[in-house]
Amino acid sequence: MFLDLPRRVAKVLLNQPRDGDGLIWPHLTQEQLAHHAASTRQSVNAALQPFERRGWITVDGRAVTVRQPETLARFVGD
């Protein structure tokens, strides 16, 4: 199955190691996220914004915290 960019980004986020609070560690740059999602940094940035507005993730500089992994997984279709 081929996923659109927001779903690819969500899947990348879900597949990263996270601590107990959902913080992705080690931190990834948007350029690194773009590489994993086969896209550009600018497109990844645009894909992250709706996730953050919905409260699914928080972004603080390079630190991304997955707040609602179950919701992201449903969005991806897992």
PDB file of N, CA and C in Angstrom:
ATOM      1  N   MET A   1       0.847  -1.170   0.000  1.00  0.00           N
ATOM      2  CA  MET A   1       0.000   0.000   0.000  1.00  0.00           C
ATOM      3  C   MET A   1       0.901   1.244   0.000  1.00  0.00           C
ATOM      4  N   PHE A   2       0.541   2.227  -0.796  1.00  0.00           N
ATOM      5  CA  PHE A   2       1.284   3.479  -0.854  1.00  0.00           C
ATOM      6  C   PHE A   2       0.587   4.507   0.025  1.00  0.00           C
ATOM      7  N   LEU A   3       1.370   5.162   0.866  1.00  0.00           N
ATOM      8  CA  LEU A   3       0.823   6.144   1.790  1.00  0.00           C
ATOM      9  C   LEU A   3       1.133   7.550   1.301  1.00  0.00           C
ATOM     10  N   ASP A   4       0.198   8.470   1.552  1.00  0.00           N
ATOM     11  CA  ASP A   4       0.475   9.871   1.231  1.00  0.00           C
ATOM     12  C   ASP A   4       1.487  10.404   2.249  1.00  0.00           C
ATOM     13  N   LEU A   5       2.015  11.590   1.990  1.00  0.00           N
ATOM     14  CA  LEU A   5       3.094  12.117   2.825  1.00  0.00           C
ATOM     15  C   LEU A   5       2.722  12.234   4.302  1.00  0.00           C
ATOM     16  N   PRO A   6       1.581  12.821   4.676  1.00  0.00           N
ATOM     17  CA  PRO A   6       1.285  12.896   6.109  1.00  0.00           C
ATOM     18  C   PRO A   6       1.267  11.523   6.786  1.00  0.00           C
ATOM     19  N   ARG A   7       0.773  10.521   6.113  1.00  0.00           N
ATOM     20  CA  ARG A   7       0.756   9.173   6.700  1.00  0.00           C
ATOM     21  C   ARG A   7       2.163   8.591   6.772  1.00  0.00           C
ATOM     22  N   ARG A   8       2.995   8.857   5.765  1.00  0.00           N
ATOM     23  CA  ARG A   8       4.390   8.398   5.822  1.00  0.00           C
ATOM     24  C   ARG A   8       5.117   9.058   6.994  1.00  0.00           C
ATOM     25  N   VAL A   9       4.902  10.357   7.182  1.00  0.00           N
ATOM     26  CA  VAL A   9       5.542  11.074   8.293  1.00  0.00           C
ATOM     27  C   VAL A   9       5.057  10.494   9.622  1.00  0.00           C
ATOM     28  N   ALA A  10       3.764  10.267   9.748  1.00  0.00           N
ATOM     29  CA  ALA A  10       3.217   9.693  10.980  1.00  0.00           C
ATOM     30  C   ALA A  10       3.837   8.326  11.242  1.00  0.00           C
ATOM     31  N   LYS A  11       3.974   7.521  10.203  1.00  0.00           N
ATOM     32  CA  LYS A  11       4.560   6.190  10.363  1.00  0.00           C
ATOM     33  C   LYS A  11       6.021   6.290  10.806  1.00  0.00           C
ATOM     34  N   VAL A  12       6.772   7.226  10.234  1.00  0.00           N
ATOM     35  CA  VAL A  12       8.158   7.434  10.654  1.00  0.00           C
ATOM     36  C   VAL A  12       8.198   7.815  12.130  1.00  0.00           C
ATOM     37  N   LEU A  13       7.335   8.739  12.541  1.00  0.00           N
ATOM     38  CA  LEU A  13       7.312   9.157  13.942  1.00  0.00           C
ATOM     39  C   LEU A  13       7.015   7.971  14.866  1.00  0.00           C
ATOM     40  N   LEU A  14       6.065   7.151  14.477  1.00  0.00           N
ATOM     41  CA  LEU A  14       5.689   6.004  15.304  1.00  0.00           C
ATOM     42  C   LEU A  14       6.789   4.953  15.390  1.00  0.00           C
ATOM     43  N   ASN A  15       7.645   4.879  14.380  1.00  0.00           N
ATOM     44  CA  ASN A  15       8.692   3.872  14.343  1.00  0.00           C
ATOM     45  C   ASN A  15       9.992   4.312  15.018  1.00  0.00           C
ATOM     46  N   GLN A  16      10.030   5.531  15.531  1.00  0.00           N
ATOM     47  CA  GLN A  16      11.226   6.024  16.206  1.00  0.00           C
ATOM     48  C   GLN A  16      11.196   5.623  17.682  1.00  0.00           C
ATOM     49  N   PRO A  17      12.388   5.402  18.275  1.00  0.00           N
ATOM     50  CA  PRO A  17      12.416   5.105  19.716  1.00  0.00           C
ATOM     51  C   PRO A  17      11.944   6.313  20.519  1.00  0.00           C
ATOM     52  N   ARG A  18      11.094   6.046  21.527  1.00  0.00           N
ATOM     53  CA  ARG A  18      10.546   7.120  22.356  1.00  0.00           C
ATOM     54  C   ARG A  18      10.718   6.758  23.826  1.00  0.00           C
ATOM     55  N   ASP A  19      10.861   7.797  24.646  1.00  0.00           N
ATOM     56  CA  ASP A  19      10.925   7.544  26.085  1.00  0.00           C
ATOM     57  C   ASP A  19       9.507   7.389  26.624  1.00  0.00           C
ATOM     58  N   GLY A  20       9.373   7.267  27.916  1.00  0.00           N
ATOM     59  CA  GLY A  20       8.067   7.041  28.540  1.00  0.00           C
ATOM     60  C   GLY A  20       7.079   8.167  28.343  1.00  0.00           C
ATOM     61  N   ASP A  21       7.580   9.370  28.072  1.00  0.00           N
ATOM     62  CA  ASP A  21       6.708  10.522  27.830  1.00  0.00           C
ATOM     63  C   ASP A  21       6.392  10.719  26.350  1.00  0.00           C
ATOM     64  N   GLY A  22       6.935   9.849  25.480  1.00  0.00           N
ATOM     65  CA  GLY A  22       6.683   9.963  24.053  1.00  0.00           C
ATOM     66  C   GLY A  22       7.717  10.767  23.294  1.00  0.00           C
ATOM     67  N   LEU A  23       8.745  11.265  24.005  1.00  0.00           N
ATOM     68  CA  LEU A  23       9.790  12.062  23.365  1.00  0.00           C
ATOM     69  C   LEU A  23      10.650  11.163  22.488  1.00  0.00           C
ATOM     70  N   ILE A  24      10.758  11.520  21.217  1.00  0.00           N
ATOM     71  CA  ILE A  24      11.593  10.757  20.291  1.00  0.00           C
ATOM     72  C   ILE A  24      13.050  11.031  20.635  1.00  0.00           C
ATOM     73  N   TRP A  25      13.789   9.937  20.867  1.00  0.00           N
ATOM     74  CA  TRP A  25      15.201  10.059  21.211  1.00  0.00           C
ATOM     75  C   TRP A  25      15.985   8.994  20.479  1.00  0.00           C
ATOM     76  N   PRO A  26      17.061   9.315  19.797  1.00  0.00           N
ATOM     77  CA  PRO A  26      17.643  10.650  19.706  1.00  0.00           C
ATOM     78  C   PRO A  26      16.787  11.557  18.826  1.00  0.00           C
ATOM     79  N   HIS A  27      16.926  12.861  19.070  1.00  0.00           N
ATOM     80  CA  HIS A  27      16.165  13.843  18.291  1.00  0.00           C
ATOM     81  C   HIS A  27      16.513  13.717  16.807  1.00  0.00           C
ATOM     82  N   LEU A  28      15.516  13.943  15.972  1.00  0.00           N
ATOM     83  CA  LEU A  28      15.719  13.945  14.526  1.00  0.00           C
ATOM     84  C   LEU A  28      15.480  15.348  13.989  1.00  0.00           C
ATOM     85  N   THR A  29      16.285  15.746  13.040  1.00  0.00           N
ATOM     86  CA  THR A  29      16.009  17.005  12.352  1.00  0.00           C
ATOM     87  C   THR A  29      14.879  16.763  11.363  1.00  0.00           C
ATOM     88  N   GLN A  30      14.259  17.843  10.903  1.00  0.00           N
ATOM     89  CA  GLN A  30      13.224  17.686   9.875  1.00  0.00           C
ATOM     90  C   GLN A  30      13.840  17.147   8.589  1.00  0.00           C
ATOM     91  N   GLU A  31      15.107  17.451   8.356  1.00  0.00           N
ATOM     92  CA  GLU A  31      15.807  16.900   7.196  1.00  0.00           C
ATOM     93  C   GLU A  31      15.914  15.377   7.313  1.00  0.00           C
ATOM     94  N   GLN A  32      16.220  14.885   8.509  1.00  0.00           N
ATOM     95  CA  GLN A  32      16.299  13.440   8.722  1.00  0.00           C
ATOM     96  C   GLN A  32      14.919  12.793   8.595  1.00  0.00           C
ATOM     97  N   LEU A  33      13.895  13.447   9.152  1.00  0.00           N
ATOM     98  CA  LEU A  33      12.525  12.937   8.982  1.00  0.00           C
ATOM     99  C   LEU A  33      12.164  12.878   7.504  1.00  0.00           C
ATOM    100  N   ALA A  34      12.539  13.911   6.769  1.00  0.00           N
ATOM    101  CA  ALA A  34      12.250  13.961   5.332  1.00  0.00           C
ATOM    102  C   ALA A  34      12.925  12.801   4.608  1.00  0.00           C
ATOM    103  N   HIS A  35      14.161  12.516   4.983  1.00  0.00           N
ATOM    104  CA  HIS A  35      14.879  11.399   4.354  1.00  0.00           C
ATOM    105  C   HIS A  35      14.125  10.085   4.596  1.00  0.00           C
ATOM    106  N   HIS A  36      13.699   9.855   5.839  1.00  0.00           N
ATOM    107  CA  HIS A  36      12.964   8.627   6.174  1.00  0.00           C
ATOM    108  C   HIS A  36      11.609   8.556   5.470  1.00  0.00           C
ATOM    109  N   ALA A  37      10.988   9.705   5.237  1.00  0.00           N
ATOM    110  CA  ALA A  37       9.658   9.735   4.606  1.00  0.00           C
ATOM    111  C   ALA A  37       9.739   9.926   3.095  1.00  0.00           C
ATOM    112  N   ALA A  38      10.963   9.962   2.550  1.00  0.00           N
ATOM    113  CA  ALA A  38      11.177  10.149   1.110  1.00  0.00           C
ATOM    114  C   ALA A  38      10.515  11.436   0.618  1.00  0.00           C
ATOM    115  N   SER A  39      10.870  12.531   1.275  1.00  0.00           N
ATOM    116  CA  SER A  39      10.273  13.815   0.934  1.00  0.00           C
ATOM    117  C   SER A  39      11.284  14.927   1.183  1.00  0.00           C
ATOM    118  N   THR A  40      10.784  16.160   1.234  1.00  0.00           N
ATOM    119  CA  THR A  40      11.626  17.316   1.507  1.00  0.00           C
ATOM    120  C   THR A  40      11.344  17.841   2.905  1.00  0.00           C
ATOM    121  N   ARG A  41      12.287  18.598   3.447  1.00  0.00           N
ATOM    122  CA  ARG A  41      12.122  19.175   4.770  1.00  0.00           C
ATOM    123  C   ARG A  41      10.894  20.070   4.826  1.00  0.00           C
ATOM    124  N   GLN A  42      10.699  20.871   3.780  1.00  0.00           N
ATOM    125  CA  GLN A  42       9.567  21.794   3.755  1.00  0.00           C
ATOM    126  C   GLN A  42       8.230  21.033   3.777  1.00  0.00           C
ATOM    127  N   SER A  43       8.158  19.954   3.039  1.00  0.00           N
ATOM    128  CA  SER A  43       6.927  19.159   3.009  1.00  0.00           C
ATOM    129  C   SER A  43       6.676  18.466   4.343  1.00  0.00           C
ATOM    130  N   VAL A  44       7.748  17.997   4.970  1.00  0.00           N
ATOM    131  CA  VAL A  44       7.606  17.369   6.285  1.00  0.00           C
ATOM    132  C   VAL A  44       7.121  18.390   7.301  1.00  0.00           C
ATOM    133  N   ASN A  45       7.678  19.597   7.243  1.00  0.00           N
ATOM    134  CA  ASN A  45       7.235  20.657   8.142  1.00  0.00           C
ATOM    135  C   ASN A  45       5.741  20.902   7.974  1.00  0.00           C
ATOM    136  N   ALA A  46       5.280  20.960   6.733  1.00  0.00           N
ATOM    137  CA  ALA A  46       3.854  21.176   6.471  1.00  0.00           C
ATOM    138  C   ALA A  46       3.010  19.999   6.966  1.00  0.00           C
ATOM    139  N   ALA A  47       3.555  18.786   6.910  1.00  0.00           N
ATOM    140  CA  ALA A  47       2.815  17.609   7.383  1.00  0.00           C
ATOM    141  C   ALA A  47       2.744  17.570   8.902  1.00  0.00           C
ATOM    142  N   LEU A  48       3.781  18.077   9.587  1.00  0.00           N
ATOM    143  CA  LEU A  48       3.796  18.051  11.046  1.00  0.00           C
ATOM    144  C   LEU A  48       2.817  19.045  11.666  1.00  0.00           C
ATOM    145  N   GLN A  49       2.602  20.168  10.996  1.00  0.00           N
ATOM    146  CA  GLN A  49       1.775  21.234  11.577  1.00  0.00           C
ATOM    147  C   GLN A  49       0.363  20.795  11.944  1.00  0.00           C
ATOM    148  N   PRO A  50      -0.352  20.087  11.063  1.00  0.00           N
ATOM    149  CA  PRO A  50      -1.702  19.632  11.475  1.00  0.00           C
ATOM    150  C   PRO A  50      -1.672  18.644  12.641  1.00  0.00           C
ATOM    151  N   PHE A  51      -0.630  17.798  12.700  1.00  0.00           N
ATOM    152  CA  PHE A  51      -0.512  16.862  13.828  1.00  0.00           C
ATOM    153  C   PHE A  51      -0.374  17.643  15.126  1.00  0.00           C
ATOM    154  N   GLU A  52       0.417  18.709  15.075  1.00  0.00           N
ATOM    155  CA  GLU A  52       0.620  19.509  16.279  1.00  0.00           C
ATOM    156  C   GLU A  52      -0.652  20.274  16.649  1.00  0.00           C
ATOM    157  N   ARG A  53      -1.337  20.830  15.662  1.00  0.00           N
ATOM    158  CA  ARG A  53      -2.595  21.550  15.943  1.00  0.00           C
ATOM    159  C   ARG A  53      -3.628  20.638  16.593  1.00  0.00           C
ATOM    160  N   ARG A  54      -3.656  19.376  16.186  1.00  0.00           N
ATOM    161  CA  ARG A  54      -4.625  18.421  16.748  1.00  0.00           C
ATOM    162  C   ARG A  54      -4.194  17.872  18.103  1.00  0.00           C
ATOM    163  N   GLY A  55      -2.964  18.181  18.519  1.00  0.00           N
ATOM    164  CA  GLY A  55      -2.475  17.688  19.804  1.00  0.00           C
ATOM    165  C   GLY A  55      -1.899  16.286  19.750  1.00  0.00           C
ATOM    166  N   TRP A  56      -1.694  15.753  18.550  1.00  0.00           N
ATOM    167  CA  TRP A  56      -1.148  14.405  18.413  1.00  0.00           C
ATOM    168  C   TRP A  56       0.330  14.385  18.749  1.00  0.00           C
ATOM    169  N   ILE A  57       1.035  15.483  18.439  1.00  0.00           N
ATOM    170  CA  ILE A  57       2.456  15.608  18.727  1.00  0.00           C
ATOM    171  C   ILE A  57       2.714  17.016  19.254  1.00  0.00           C
ATOM    172  N   THR A  58       3.886  17.204  19.843  1.00  0.00           N
ATOM    173  CA  THR A  58       4.376  18.548  20.122  1.00  0.00           C
ATOM    174  C   THR A  58       5.779  18.633  19.529  1.00  0.00           C
ATOM    175  N   VAL A  59       6.099  19.803  19.014  1.00  0.00           N
ATOM    176  CA  VAL A  59       7.411  20.052  18.437  1.00  0.00           C
ATOM    177  C   VAL A  59       8.016  21.232  19.173  1.00  0.00           C
ATOM    178  N   ASP A  60       9.220  21.023  19.689  1.00  0.00           N
ATOM    179  CA  ASP A  60       9.946  22.082  20.380  1.00  0.00           C
ATOM    180  C   ASP A  60      11.377  22.050  19.853  1.00  0.00           C
ATOM    181  N   GLY A  61      11.652  22.865  18.844  1.00  0.00           N
ATOM    182  CA  GLY A  61      12.952  22.799  18.176  1.00  0.00           C
ATOM    183  C   GLY A  61      13.070  21.471  17.465  1.00  0.00           C
ATOM    184  N   ARG A  62      14.124  20.724  17.786  1.00  0.00           N
ATOM    185  CA  ARG A  62      14.297  19.397  17.192  1.00  0.00           C
ATOM    186  C   ARG A  62      13.599  18.311  17.996  1.00  0.00           C
ATOM    187  N   ALA A  63      13.072  18.652  19.158  1.00  0.00           N
ATOM    188  CA  ALA A  63      12.430  17.660  20.012  1.00  0.00           C
ATOM    189  C   ALA A  63      10.976  17.460  19.580  1.00  0.00           C
ATOM    190  N   VAL A  64      10.655  16.229  19.221  1.00  0.00           N
ATOM    191  CA  VAL A  64       9.283  15.869  18.857  1.00  0.00           C
ATOM    192  C   VAL A  64       8.788  14.868  19.885  1.00  0.00           C
ATOM    193  N   THR A  65       7.629  15.152  20.441  1.00  0.00           N
ATOM    194  CA  THR A  65       7.002  14.246  21.401  1.00  0.00           C
ATOM    195  C   THR A  65       5.698  13.750  20.809  1.00  0.00           C
ATOM    196  N   VAL A  66       5.544  12.440  20.760  1.00  0.00           N
ATOM    197  CA  VAL A  66       4.306  11.831  20.278  1.00  0.00           C
ATOM    198  C   VAL A  66       3.358  11.761  21.467  1.00  0.00           C
ATOM    199  N   ARG A  67       2.313  12.588  21.436  1.00  0.00           N
ATOM    200  CA  ARG A  67       1.363  12.677  22.550  1.00  0.00           C
ATOM    201  C   ARG A  67       0.238  11.652  22.433  1.00  0.00           C
ATOM    202  N   GLN A  68      -0.154  11.341  21.203  1.00  0.00           N
ATOM    203  CA  GLN A  68      -1.272  10.424  20.993  1.00  0.00           C
ATOM    204  C   GLN A  68      -0.886   9.349  19.967  1.00  0.00           C
ATOM    205  N   PRO A  69      -0.043   8.380  20.375  1.00  0.00           N
ATOM    206  CA  PRO A  69       0.406   7.363  19.420  1.00  0.00           C
ATOM    207  C   PRO A  69      -0.735   6.531  18.846  1.00  0.00           C
ATOM    208  N   GLU A  70      -1.759   6.273  19.646  1.00  0.00           N
ATOM    209  CA  GLU A  70      -2.875   5.471  19.140  1.00  0.00           C
ATOM    210  C   GLU A  70      -3.608   6.201  18.019  1.00  0.00           C
ATOM    211  N   THR A  71      -3.772   7.505  18.189  1.00  0.00           N
ATOM    212  CA  THR A  71      -4.454   8.303  17.164  1.00  0.00           C
ATOM    213  C   THR A  71      -3.619   8.362  15.894  1.00  0.00           C
ATOM    214  N   LEU A  72      -2.304   8.553  16.043  1.00  0.00           N
ATOM    215  CA  LEU A  72      -1.426   8.559  14.871  1.00  0.00           C
ATOM    216  C   LEU A  72      -1.477   7.210  14.164  1.00  0.00           C
ATOM    217  N   ALA A  73      -1.493   6.130  14.930  1.00  0.00           N
ATOM    218  CA  ALA A  73      -1.553   4.789  14.328  1.00  0.00           C
ATOM    219  C   ALA A  73      -2.862   4.596  13.563  1.00  0.00           C
ATOM    220  N   ARG A  74      -3.960   5.077  14.112  1.00  0.00           N
ATOM    221  CA  ARG A  74      -5.241   4.979  13.388  1.00  0.00           C
ATOM    222  C   ARG A  74      -5.187   5.798  12.118  1.00  0.00           C
ATOM    223  N   PHE A  75      -4.573   6.980  12.187  1.00  0.00           N
ATOM    224  CA  PHE A  75      -4.432   7.842  11.011  1.00  0.00           C
ATOM    225  C   PHE A  75      -3.642   7.130   9.910  1.00  0.00           C
ATOM    226  N   VAL A  76      -2.590   6.426  10.309  1.00  0.00           N
ATOM    227  CA  VAL A  76      -1.769   5.686   9.343  1.00  0.00           C
ATOM    228  C   VAL A  76      -2.550   4.505   8.779  1.00  0.00           C
ATOM    229  N   GLY A  77      -3.422   3.953   9.595  1.00  0.00           N
ATOM    230  CA  GLY A  77      -4.194   2.788   9.156  1.00  0.00           C
ATOM    231  C   GLY A  77      -3.686   1.494   9.766  1.00  0.00           C
ATOM    232  N   ASP A  78      -2.848   1.607  10.790  1.00  0.00           N
ATOM    233  CA  ASP A  78      -2.317   0.422  11.484  1.00  0.00           C
ATOM    234  C   ASP A  78      -3.310  -0.097  12.500  1.00  0.00           C
TER     235      ASP A  78
END
